[in-house]
Amino acid sequence: EGFDLVLSGHTHGGQVRIPYFGQIVDHGMKFFPKYS
């Protein structure tokens, strides 16, 4: 929707990240999610 800003959490940033690639797997077991 037309929000200016959305503030979220939940992902923990993936907890385990790889430099440059980012989060490895999300809560839905999808690898390298777009939003983390």
All heavy atoms as atom14 arrays in JSON, in Angstrom:
{
  "sequence": "EGFDLVLSGHTHGGQVRIPYFGQIVDHGMKFFPKYS",
  "atom14_mask": [
    [1, 1, 1, 1, 1, 1, 1, 1, 1, 0, 0, 0, 0, 0],
    [1, 1, 1, 1, 0, 0, 0, 0, 0, 0, 0, 0, 0, 0],
    [1, 1, 1, 1, 1, 1, 1, 1, 1, 1, 1, 0, 0, 0],
    [1, 1, 1, 1, 1, 1, 1, 1, 0, 0, 0, 0, 0, 0],
    [1, 1, 1, 1, 1, 1, 1, 1, 0, 0, 0, 0, 0, 0],
    [1, 1, 1, 1, 1, 1, 1, 0, 0, 0, 0, 0, 0, 0],
    [1, 1, 1, 1, 1, 1, 1, 1, 0, 0, 0, 0, 0, 0],
    [1, 1, 1, 1, 1, 1, 0, 0, 0, 0, 0, 0, 0, 0],
    [1, 1, 1, 1, 0, 0, 0, 0, 0, 0, 0, 0, 0, 0],
    [1, 1, 1, 1, 1, 1, 1, 1, 1, 1, 0, 0, 0, 0],
    [1, 1, 1, 1, 1, 1, 1, 0, 0, 0, 0, 0, 0, 0],
    [1, 1, 1, 1, 1, 1, 1, 1, 1, 1, 0, 0, 0, 0],
    [1, 1, 1, 1, 0, 0, 0, 0, 0, 0, 0, 0, 0, 0],
    [1, 1, 1, 1, 0, 0, 0, 0, 0, 0, 0, 0, 0, 0],
    [1, 1, 1, 1, 1, 1, 1, 1, 1, 0, 0, 0, 0, 0],
    [1, 1, 1, 1, 1, 1, 1, 0, 0, 0, 0, 0, 0, 0],
    [1, 1, 1, 1, 1, 1, 1, 1, 1, 1, 1, 0, 0, 0],
    [1, 1, 1, 1, 1, 1, 1, 1, 0, 0, 0, 0, 0, 0],
    [1, 1, 1, 1, 1, 1, 1, 0, 0, 0, 0, 0, 0, 0],
    [1, 1, 1, 1, 1, 1, 1, 1, 1, 1, 1, 1, 0, 0],
    [1, 1, 1, 1, 1, 1, 1, 1, 1, 1, 1, 0, 0, 0],
    [1, 1, 1, 1, 0, 0, 0, 0, 0, 0, 0, 0, 0, 0],
    [1, 1, 1, 1, 1, 1, 1, 1, 1, 0, 0, 0, 0, 0],
    [1, 1, 1, 1, 1, 1, 1, 1, 0, 0, 0, 0, 0, 0],
    [1, 1, 1, 1, 1, 1, 1, 0, 0, 0, 0, 0, 0, 0],
    [1, 1, 1, 1, 1, 1, 1, 1, 0, 0, 0, 0, 0, 0],
    [1, 1, 1, 1, 1, 1, 1, 1, 1, 1, 0, 0, 0, 0],
    [1, 1, 1, 1, 0, 0, 0, 0, 0, 0, 0, 0, 0, 0],
    [1, 1, 1, 1, 1, 1, 1, 1, 0, 0, 0, 0, 0, 0],
    [1, 1, 1, 1, 1, 1, 1, 1, 1, 0, 0, 0, 0, 0],
    [1, 1, 1, 1, 1, 1, 1, 1, 1, 1, 1, 0, 0, 0],
    [1, 1, 1, 1, 1, 1, 1, 1, 1, 1, 1, 0, 0, 0],
    [1, 1, 1, 1, 1, 1, 1, 0, 0, 0, 0, 0, 0, 0],
    [1, 1, 1, 1, 1, 1, 1, 1, 1, 0, 0, 0, 0, 0],
    [1, 1, 1, 1, 1, 1, 1, 1, 1, 1, 1, 1, 0, 0],
    [1, 1, 1, 1, 1, 1, 0, 0, 0, 0, 0, 0, 0, 0]
  ],
  "atom14_positions": [
    [[0.84, -1.19, 0.0], [0.0, 0.0, 0.0], [0.88, 1.24, 0.0], [2.09, 1.15, -0.06], [-0.93, -0.02, 1.22], [-1.96, -1.13, 1.17], [-3.0, -0.97, 2.26], [-3.73, 0.03, 2.24], [-3.05, -1.84, 3.14], [0.0, 0.0, 0.0], [0.0, 0.0, 0.0], [0.0, 0.0, 0.0], [0.0, 0.0, 0.0], [0.0, 0.0, 0.0]],
    [[0.24, 2.38, 0.13], [0.96, 3.63, -0.01], [1.64, 4.13, 1.24], [1.58, 5.34, 1.55], [0.0, 0.0, 0.0], [0.0, 0.0, 0.0], [0.0, 0.0, 0.0], [0.0, 0.0, 0.0], [0.0, 0.0, 0.0], [0.0, 0.0, 0.0], [0.0, 0.0, 0.0], [0.0, 0.0, 0.0], [0.0, 0.0, 0.0], [0.0, 0.0, 0.0]],
    [[2.3, 3.26, 1.98], [3.04, 3.69, 3.16], [4.35, 4.34, 2.73], [4.96, 3.96, 1.74], [3.32, 2.51, 4.09], [2.09, 1.93, 4.71], [1.52, 0.77, 4.21], [1.48, 2.56, 5.78], [0.38, 0.24, 4.76], [0.33, 2.04, 6.35], [-0.23, 0.88, 5.83], [0.0, 0.0, 0.0], [0.0, 0.0, 0.0], [0.0, 0.0, 0.0]],
    [[4.78, 5.29, 3.53], [6.09, 5.91, 3.29], [7.21, 5.02, 3.83], [8.29, 4.94, 3.23], [6.15, 7.29, 3.94], [5.12, 8.23, 3.36], [5.33, 8.7, 2.22], [4.09, 8.49, 4.01], [0.0, 0.0, 0.0], [0.0, 0.0, 0.0], [0.0, 0.0, 0.0], [0.0, 0.0, 0.0], [0.0, 0.0, 0.0], [0.0, 0.0, 0.0]],
    [[6.93, 4.37, 4.96], [7.96, 3.57, 5.62], [7.29, 2.37, 6.28], [6.25, 2.49, 6.92], [8.69, 4.41, 6.67], [9.73, 3.7, 7.55], [10.89, 3.17, 6.73], [10.24, 4.67, 8.63], [0.0, 0.0, 0.0], [0.0, 0.0, 0.0], [0.0, 0.0, 0.0], [0.0, 0.0, 0.0], [0.0, 0.0, 0.0], [0.0, 0.0, 0.0]],
    [[7.91, 1.2, 6.13], [7.48, -0.01, 6.82], [8.65, -0.52, 7.65], [9.76, -0.68, 7.14], [7.02, -1.11, 5.83], [6.65, -2.38, 6.59], [5.84, -0.62, 5.0], [0.0, 0.0, 0.0], [0.0, 0.0, 0.0], [0.0, 0.0, 0.0], [0.0, 0.0, 0.0], [0.0, 0.0, 0.0], [0.0, 0.0, 0.0], [0.0, 0.0, 0.0]],
    [[8.4, -0.76, 8.95], [9.43, -1.26, 9.86], [9.08, -2.68, 10.27], [8.0, -2.93, 10.81], [9.54, -0.35, 11.09], [9.91, 1.11, 10.79], [9.92, 1.93, 12.08], [11.26, 1.2, 10.09], [0.0, 0.0, 0.0], [0.0, 0.0, 0.0], [0.0, 0.0, 0.0], [0.0, 0.0, 0.0], [0.0, 0.0, 0.0], [0.0, 0.0, 0.0]],
    [[10.01, -3.6, 10.01], [9.77, -5.03, 10.26], [10.95, -5.68, 10.95], [12.02, -5.07, 11.12], [9.49, -5.76, 8.93], [8.31, -5.31, 8.33], [0.0, 0.0, 0.0], [0.0, 0.0, 0.0], [0.0, 0.0, 0.0], [0.0, 0.0, 0.0], [0.0, 0.0, 0.0], [0.0, 0.0, 0.0], [0.0, 0.0, 0.0], [0.0, 0.0, 0.0]],
    [[10.75, -6.93, 11.32], [11.81, -7.75, 11.91], [11.64, -9.17, 11.41], [11.61, -9.43, 10.23], [0.0, 0.0, 0.0], [0.0, 0.0, 0.0], [0.0, 0.0, 0.0], [0.0, 0.0, 0.0], [0.0, 0.0, 0.0], [0.0, 0.0, 0.0], [0.0, 0.0, 0.0], [0.0, 0.0, 0.0], [0.0, 0.0, 0.0], [0.0, 0.0, 0.0]],
    [[11.53, -10.1, 12.38], [11.17, -11.5, 12.13], [12.29, -12.34, 11.51], [12.49, -13.5, 11.89], [9.92, -11.58, 11.25], [9.37, -12.96, 11.07], [9.01, -13.77, 12.13], [9.12, -13.7, 9.95], [8.56, -14.93, 11.68], [8.62, -14.91, 10.36], [0.0, 0.0, 0.0], [0.0, 0.0, 0.0], [0.0, 0.0, 0.0], [0.0, 0.0, 0.0]],
    [[13.01, -11.81, 10.55], [14.0, -12.61, 9.83], [15.29, -12.82, 10.61], [16.07, -13.73, 10.29], [14.38, -11.95, 8.49], [15.08, -10.73, 8.76], [13.14, -11.65, 7.66], [0.0, 0.0, 0.0], [0.0, 0.0, 0.0], [0.0, 0.0, 0.0], [0.0, 0.0, 0.0], [0.0, 0.0, 0.0], [0.0, 0.0, 0.0], [0.0, 0.0, 0.0]],
    [[15.55, -11.98, 11.62], [16.83, -11.97, 12.35], [18.0, -11.73, 11.4], [19.13, -12.07, 11.72], [17.07, -13.27, 13.12], [15.97, -13.64, 14.05], [15.89, -14.86, 14.66], [14.88, -12.96, 14.49], [14.82, -14.93, 15.42], [14.18, -13.76, 15.32], [0.0, 0.0, 0.0], [0.0, 0.0, 0.0], [0.0, 0.0, 0.0], [0.0, 0.0, 0.0]],
    [[17.7, -11.17, 10.25], [18.74, -10.98, 9.25], [19.29, -12.29, 8.73], [20.33, -12.34, 8.09], [0.0, 0.0, 0.0], [0.0, 0.0, 0.0], [0.0, 0.0, 0.0], [0.0, 0.0, 0.0], [0.0, 0.0, 0.0], [0.0, 0.0, 0.0], [0.0, 0.0, 0.0], [0.0, 0.0, 0.0], [0.0, 0.0, 0.0], [0.0, 0.0, 0.0]],
    [[18.54, -13.38, 9.01], [18.99, -14.71, 8.6], [19.85, -15.38, 9.66], [20.12, -16.58, 9.56], [0.0, 0.0, 0.0], [0.0, 0.0, 0.0], [0.0, 0.0, 0.0], [0.0, 0.0, 0.0], [0.0, 0.0, 0.0], [0.0, 0.0, 0.0], [0.0, 0.0, 0.0], [0.0, 0.0, 0.0], [0.0, 0.0, 0.0], [0.0, 0.0, 0.0]],
    [[20.3, -14.58, 10.67], [21.22, -15.05, 11.71], [22.57, -15.44, 11.14], [23.6, -14.97, 11.61], [20.61, -16.2, 12.54], [19.44, -15.73, 13.39], [18.97, -16.75, 14.41], [17.8, -16.83, 14.66], [19.87, -17.49, 15.0], [0.0, 0.0, 0.0], [0.0, 0.0, 0.0], [0.0, 0.0, 0.0], [0.0, 0.0, 0.0], [0.0, 0.0, 0.0]],
    [[22.57, -16.29, 10.15], [23.83, -16.65, 9.48], [23.84, -16.02, 8.1], [22.95, -16.25, 7.29], [23.98, -18.19, 9.36], [25.26, -18.52, 8.6], [23.98, -18.83, 10.74], [0.0, 0.0, 0.0], [0.0, 0.0, 0.0], [0.0, 0.0, 0.0], [0.0, 0.0, 0.0], [0.0, 0.0, 0.0], [0.0, 0.0, 0.0], [0.0, 0.0, 0.0]],
    [[24.85, -15.19, 7.85], [24.95, -14.48, 6.58], [26.31, -14.74, 5.92], [27.28, -15.07, 6.61], [24.76, -12.97, 6.77], [23.41, -12.6, 7.36], [23.28, -11.09, 7.56], [23.26, -10.35, 6.31], [22.16, -10.14, 5.6], [20.99, -10.61, 6.0], [22.21, -9.45, 4.48], [0.0, 0.0, 0.0], [0.0, 0.0, 0.0], [0.0, 0.0, 0.0]],
    [[26.34, -14.58, 4.63], [27.58, -14.66, 3.88], [27.86, -13.28, 3.31], [26.97, -12.68, 2.7], [27.47, -15.68, 2.73], [27.22, -17.09, 3.28], [28.73, -15.67, 1.87], [27.01, -18.13, 2.22], [0.0, 0.0, 0.0], [0.0, 0.0, 0.0], [0.0, 0.0, 0.0], [0.0, 0.0, 0.0], [0.0, 0.0, 0.0], [0.0, 0.0, 0.0]],
    [[29.05, -12.74, 3.52], [29.36, -11.43, 2.96], [29.05, -11.35, 1.48], [29.32, -12.29, 0.72], [30.87, -11.28, 3.22], [31.11, -12.11, 4.44], [30.18, -13.29, 4.3], [0.0, 0.0, 0.0], [0.0, 0.0, 0.0], [0.0, 0.0, 0.0], [0.0, 0.0, 0.0], [0.0, 0.0, 0.0], [0.0, 0.0, 0.0], [0.0, 0.0, 0.0]],
    [[28.43, -10.24, 1.07], [28.0, -9.95, -0.29], [26.69, -10.66, -0.64], [25.75, -10.06, -1.13], [29.06, -10.31, -1.33], [28.62, -9.97, -2.76], [28.61, -8.65, -3.2], [28.17, -10.98, -3.62], [28.18, -8.33, -4.48], [27.74, -10.67, -4.9], [27.75, -9.35, -5.33], [27.31, -9.04, -6.58], [0.0, 0.0, 0.0], [0.0, 0.0, 0.0]],
    [[26.57, -11.97, -0.36], [25.37, -12.73, -0.71], [24.23, -12.51, 0.27], [23.06, -12.59, -0.09], [25.68, -14.22, -0.81], [26.58, -14.56, -1.96], [27.93, -14.8, -1.75], [26.08, -14.63, -3.25], [28.76, -15.11, -2.81], [26.9, -14.94, -4.32], [28.25, -15.18, -4.1], [0.0, 0.0, 0.0], [0.0, 0.0, 0.0], [0.0, 0.0, 0.0]],
    [[24.55, -12.23, 1.56], [23.52, -11.96, 2.56], [22.99, -13.22, 3.21], [23.7, -14.23, 3.38], [0.0, 0.0, 0.0], [0.0, 0.0, 0.0], [0.0, 0.0, 0.0], [0.0, 0.0, 0.0], [0.0, 0.0, 0.0], [0.0, 0.0, 0.0], [0.0, 0.0, 0.0], [0.0, 0.0, 0.0], [0.0, 0.0, 0.0], [0.0, 0.0, 0.0]],
    [[21.69, -13.17, 3.57], [21.04, -14.27, 4.28], [21.06, -15.54, 3.45], [20.77, -15.53, 2.25], [19.61, -13.88, 4.62], [18.81, -14.94, 5.35], [17.4, -14.48, 5.67], [17.08, -13.3, 5.56], [16.54, -15.4, 6.09], [0.0, 0.0, 0.0], [0.0, 0.0, 0.0], [0.0, 0.0, 0.0], [0.0, 0.0, 0.0], [0.0, 0.0, 0.0]],
    [[21.35, -16.67, 4.09], [21.44, -17.95, 3.38], [20.06, -18.54, 3.11], [19.73, -18.91, 1.99], [22.3, -18.95, 4.17], [23.74, -18.44, 4.27], [22.29, -20.32, 3.49], [24.63, -19.29, 5.15], [0.0, 0.0, 0.0], [0.0, 0.0, 0.0], [0.0, 0.0, 0.0], [0.0, 0.0, 0.0], [0.0, 0.0, 0.0], [0.0, 0.0, 0.0]],
    [[19.23, -18.63, 4.18], [17.92, -19.25, 4.02], [16.91, -18.52, 4.9], [17.25, -18.05, 5.99], [17.98, -20.76, 4.38], [18.36, -20.95, 5.84], [16.66, -21.46, 4.08], [0.0, 0.0, 0.0], [0.0, 0.0, 0.0], [0.0, 0.0, 0.0], [0.0, 0.0, 0.0], [0.0, 0.0, 0.0], [0.0, 0.0, 0.0], [0.0, 0.0, 0.0]],
    [[15.66, -18.38, 4.44], [14.65, -17.67, 5.21], [13.76, -18.64, 5.98], [13.96, -19.86, 5.95], [13.83, -16.73, 4.32], [12.9, -17.48, 3.36], [12.81, -18.72, 3.44], [12.26, -16.8, 2.54], [0.0, 0.0, 0.0], [0.0, 0.0, 0.0], [0.0, 0.0, 0.0], [0.0, 0.0, 0.0], [0.0, 0.0, 0.0], [0.0, 0.0, 0.0]],
    [[12.74, -18.1, 6.67], [11.85, -18.92, 7.49], [11.07, -19.93, 6.65], [10.62, -20.95, 7.15], [10.87, -18.03, 8.26], [11.47, -17.36, 9.45], [12.49, -16.44, 9.35], [11.2, -17.46, 10.77], [12.82, -16.01, 10.55], [12.04, -16.61, 11.43], [0.0, 0.0, 0.0], [0.0, 0.0, 0.0], [0.0, 0.0, 0.0], [0.0, 0.0, 0.0]],
    [[10.9, -19.62, 5.38], [10.16, -20.52, 4.5], [11.06, -21.5, 3.77], [10.63, -22.15, 2.81], [0.0, 0.0, 0.0], [0.0, 0.0, 0.0], [0.0, 0.0, 0.0], [0.0, 0.0, 0.0], [0.0, 0.0, 0.0], [0.0, 0.0, 0.0], [0.0, 0.0, 0.0], [0.0, 0.0, 0.0], [0.0, 0.0, 0.0], [0.0, 0.0, 0.0]],
    [[12.32, -21.58, 4.23], [13.31, -22.47, 3.64], [13.61, -22.13, 2.18], [13.88, -22.99, 1.35], [12.88, -23.94, 3.76], [12.72, -24.41, 5.2], [14.2, -24.1, 6.23], [15.37, -25.24, 5.48], [0.0, 0.0, 0.0], [0.0, 0.0, 0.0], [0.0, 0.0, 0.0], [0.0, 0.0, 0.0], [0.0, 0.0, 0.0], [0.0, 0.0, 0.0]],
    [[13.56, -20.83, 1.86], [13.97, -20.36, 0.54], [15.39, -19.83, 0.65], [15.71, -19.06, 1.56], [13.03, -19.27, 0.04], [11.61, -19.75, -0.23], [10.75, -18.6, -0.73], [9.33, -19.08, -0.99], [8.46, -17.96, -1.44], [0.0, 0.0, 0.0], [0.0, 0.0, 0.0], [0.0, 0.0, 0.0], [0.0, 0.0, 0.0], [0.0, 0.0, 0.0]],
    [[16.24, -20.21, -0.27], [17.63, -19.82, -0.22], [17.83, -18.41, -0.78], [17.21, -18.03, -1.78], [18.51, -20.82, -0.97], [18.68, -22.12, -0.24], [17.84, -23.2, -0.51], [19.64, -22.25, 0.74], [17.98, -24.4, 0.16], [19.8, -23.45, 1.43], [18.96, -24.52, 1.14], [0.0, 0.0, 0.0], [0.0, 0.0, 0.0], [0.0, 0.0, 0.0]],
    [[18.7, -17.65, -0.1], [19.08, -16.3, -0.5], [17.84, -15.43, -0.81], [17.65, -14.99, -1.95], [20.05, -16.32, -1.68], [21.31, -17.1, -1.38], [21.51, -18.36, -1.94], [22.27, -16.59, -0.53], [22.66, -19.09, -1.65], [23.42, -17.31, -0.24], [23.62, -18.55, -0.79], [0.0, 0.0, 0.0], [0.0, 0.0, 0.0], [0.0, 0.0, 0.0]],
    [[17.0, -15.21, 0.2], [15.78, -14.42, -0.03], [16.11, -12.98, -0.42], [17.15, -12.43, -0.05], [15.08, -14.47, 1.33], [16.19, -14.71, 2.31], [17.17, -15.59, 1.6], [0.0, 0.0, 0.0], [0.0, 0.0, 0.0], [0.0, 0.0, 0.0], [0.0, 0.0, 0.0], [0.0, 0.0, 0.0], [0.0, 0.0, 0.0], [0.0, 0.0, 0.0]],
    [[15.2, -12.38, -1.14], [15.39, -11.01, -1.63], [15.37, -10.0, -0.5], [16.13, -9.02, -0.51], [14.3, -10.69, -2.66], [14.44, -9.31, -3.3], [13.39, -9.09, -4.36], [13.54, -7.72, -5.02], [12.51, -7.5, -6.06], [0.0, 0.0, 0.0], [0.0, 0.0, 0.0], [0.0, 0.0, 0.0], [0.0, 0.0, 0.0], [0.0, 0.0, 0.0]],
    [[14.5, -10.22, 0.48], [14.36, -9.28, 1.6], [14.76, -9.98, 2.9], [14.12, -10.93, 3.31], [12.92, -8.78, 1.7], [12.43, -8.12, 0.44], [11.57, -8.79, -0.43], [12.82, -6.82, 0.1], [11.11, -8.18, -1.6], [12.38, -6.21, -1.06], [11.52, -6.89, -1.9], [11.08, -6.28, -3.06], [0.0, 0.0, 0.0], [0.0, 0.0, 0.0]],
    [[15.83, -9.5, 3.54], [16.29, -10.17, 4.76], [16.75, -9.22, 5.84], [16.51, -9.44, 7.03], [17.42, -11.14, 4.42], [18.53, -10.45, 3.87], [0.0, 0.0, 0.0], [0.0, 0.0, 0.0], [0.0, 0.0, 0.0], [0.0, 0.0, 0.0], [0.0, 0.0, 0.0], [0.0, 0.0, 0.0], [0.0, 0.0, 0.0], [0.0, 0.0, 0.0]]
  ]
}
